[in-house]
Amino acid sequence: MKKRVYEHKSNAIEGFTKKYGVHILVYYEQTPDVISAIEREKRIKKWKRKWKLEIIEKLNPNWKDLYDLI
């Protein structure tokens, strides 16, 4: 997981994080395998923005960068 987050932080991967300069990890979940991680990500992407903000605020109210914790 740390490698994947590093790739986003360093703009090595095209996409949302590179386009908008988002480089702080404020929320993450661990899953048993890649398939379940992809399924979970697809589900969360369909959530309303408000729901996403609520889960971040609940678990990381100060929006600290969690990169060093993984």
C-alpha atoms as a PDB file:
ATOM      1  CA  MET A   1       0.000   0.000   0.000  1.00  0.00           C
ATOM      2  CA  LYS A   2       2.797   2.419   0.847  1.00  0.00           C
ATOM      3  CA  LYS A   3       4.224   2.112  -2.670  1.00  0.00           C
ATOM      4  CA  ARG A   4       0.843   2.941  -4.227  1.00  0.00           C
ATOM      5  CA  VAL A   5       0.392   6.019  -2.024  1.00  0.00           C
ATOM      6  CA  TYR A   6       3.957   7.136  -2.782  1.00  0.00           C
ATOM      7  CA  GLU A   7       3.227   6.889  -6.513  1.00  0.00           C
ATOM      8  CA  HIS A   8       0.302   9.271  -6.048  1.00  0.00           C
ATOM      9  CA  LYS A   9       2.243  11.652  -3.780  1.00  0.00           C
ATOM     10  CA  SER A  10       5.079  11.898  -6.313  1.00  0.00           C
ATOM     11  CA  ASN A  11       2.783  12.389  -9.352  1.00  0.00           C
ATOM     12  CA  ALA A  12       4.018   9.139 -10.909  1.00  0.00           C
ATOM     13  CA  ILE A  13       0.427   8.157 -11.768  1.00  0.00           C
ATOM     14  CA  GLU A  14      -1.944  10.043 -14.031  1.00  0.00           C
ATOM     15  CA  GLY A  15      -5.330  10.811 -12.570  1.00  0.00           C
ATOM     16  CA  PHE A  16      -7.161  12.868  -9.982  1.00  0.00           C
ATOM     17  CA  THR A  17      -4.270  13.284  -7.527  1.00  0.00           C
ATOM     18  CA  LYS A  18      -1.887  14.534 -10.195  1.00  0.00           C
ATOM     19  CA  LYS A  19      -4.449  16.713 -11.962  1.00  0.00           C
ATOM     20  CA  TYR A  20      -5.584  18.483  -8.787  1.00  0.00           C
ATOM     21  CA  GLY A  21      -2.373  18.308  -6.721  1.00  0.00           C
ATOM     22  CA  VAL A  22      -3.898  16.209  -3.948  1.00  0.00           C
ATOM     23  CA  HIS A  23      -1.008  14.688  -2.023  1.00  0.00           C
ATOM     24  CA  ILE A  24      -2.220  14.224   1.555  1.00  0.00           C
ATOM     25  CA  LEU A  25      -3.547  10.831   2.633  1.00  0.00           C
ATOM     26  CA  VAL A  26      -6.400  11.607   5.025  1.00  0.00           C
ATOM     27  CA  TYR A  27      -8.279   8.301   4.899  1.00  0.00           C
ATOM     28  CA  TYR A  28      -7.546   4.704   3.988  1.00  0.00           C
ATOM     29  CA  GLU A  29      -8.905   1.229   4.529  1.00  0.00           C
ATOM     30  CA  GLN A  30      -7.101  -2.066   4.519  1.00  0.00           C
ATOM     31  CA  THR A  31      -8.621  -4.985   2.641  1.00  0.00           C
ATOM     32  CA  PRO A  32      -7.641  -8.637   2.458  1.00  0.00           C
ATOM     33  CA  ASP A  33      -6.885  -8.543  -1.277  1.00  0.00           C
ATOM     34  CA  VAL A  34      -6.733  -6.355  -4.360  1.00  0.00           C
ATOM     35  CA  ILE A  35     -10.136  -7.427  -5.680  1.00  0.00           C
ATOM     36  CA  SER A  36     -11.966  -6.367  -2.529  1.00  0.00           C
ATOM     37  CA  ALA A  37      -9.979  -3.097  -2.469  1.00  0.00           C
ATOM     38  CA  ILE A  38     -11.074  -2.279  -6.020  1.00  0.00           C
ATOM     39  CA  GLU A  39     -14.690  -3.161  -5.222  1.00  0.00           C
ATOM     40  CA  ARG A  40     -14.635  -0.947  -2.119  1.00  0.00           C
ATOM     41  CA  GLU A  41     -13.075   1.948  -4.043  1.00  0.00           C
ATOM     42  CA  LYS A  42     -15.777   1.704  -6.724  1.00  0.00           C
ATOM     43  CA  ARG A  43     -18.489   1.745  -4.036  1.00  0.00           C
ATOM     44  CA  ILE A  44     -17.007   4.784  -2.292  1.00  0.00           C
ATOM     45  CA  LYS A  45     -16.652   6.650  -5.603  1.00  0.00           C
ATOM     46  CA  LYS A  46     -20.441   6.445  -5.977  1.00  0.00           C
ATOM     47  CA  TRP A  47     -21.023   8.050  -2.557  1.00  0.00           C
ATOM     48  CA  LYS A  48     -22.130  11.639  -2.212  1.00  0.00           C
ATOM     49  CA  ARG A  49     -19.299  14.047  -1.383  1.00  0.00           C
ATOM     50  CA  LYS A  50     -20.959  14.754   1.983  1.00  0.00           C
ATOM     51  CA  TRP A  51     -20.716  11.086   2.990  1.00  0.00           C
ATOM     52  CA  LYS A  52     -17.033  10.970   2.049  1.00  0.00           C
ATOM     53  CA  LEU A  53     -16.306  14.098   4.088  1.00  0.00           C
ATOM     54  CA  GLU A  54     -18.225  12.674   7.056  1.00  0.00           C
ATOM     55  CA  ILE A  55     -16.160   9.468   7.152  1.00  0.00           C
ATOM     56  CA  ILE A  56     -12.918  11.478   6.973  1.00  0.00           C
ATOM     57  CA  GLU A  57     -14.067  13.890   9.700  1.00  0.00           C
ATOM     58  CA  LYS A  58     -15.108  10.987  11.928  1.00  0.00           C
ATOM     59  CA  LEU A  59     -11.791   9.129  11.675  1.00  0.00           C
ATOM     60  CA  ASN A  60      -9.350  11.999  11.021  1.00  0.00           C
ATOM     61  CA  PRO A  61     -10.952  15.261  12.199  1.00  0.00           C
ATOM     62  CA  ASN A  62      -7.719  17.257  11.840  1.00  0.00           C
ATOM     63  CA  TRP A  63      -7.079  15.975   8.318  1.00  0.00           C
ATOM     64  CA  LYS A  64      -3.547  14.868   9.239  1.00  0.00           C
ATOM     65  CA  ASP A  65      -1.440  13.176   6.561  1.00  0.00           C
ATOM     66  CA  LEU A  66      -1.567   9.457   7.418  1.00  0.00           C
ATOM     67  CA  TYR A  67       1.180   8.422   5.011  1.00  0.00           C
ATOM     68  CA  ASP A  68       3.728   7.745   7.760  1.00  0.00           C
ATOM     69  CA  LEU A  69       1.254   5.454   9.556  1.00  0.00           C
ATOM     70  CA  ILE A  70       1.071   2.917   6.766  1.00  0.00           C
END
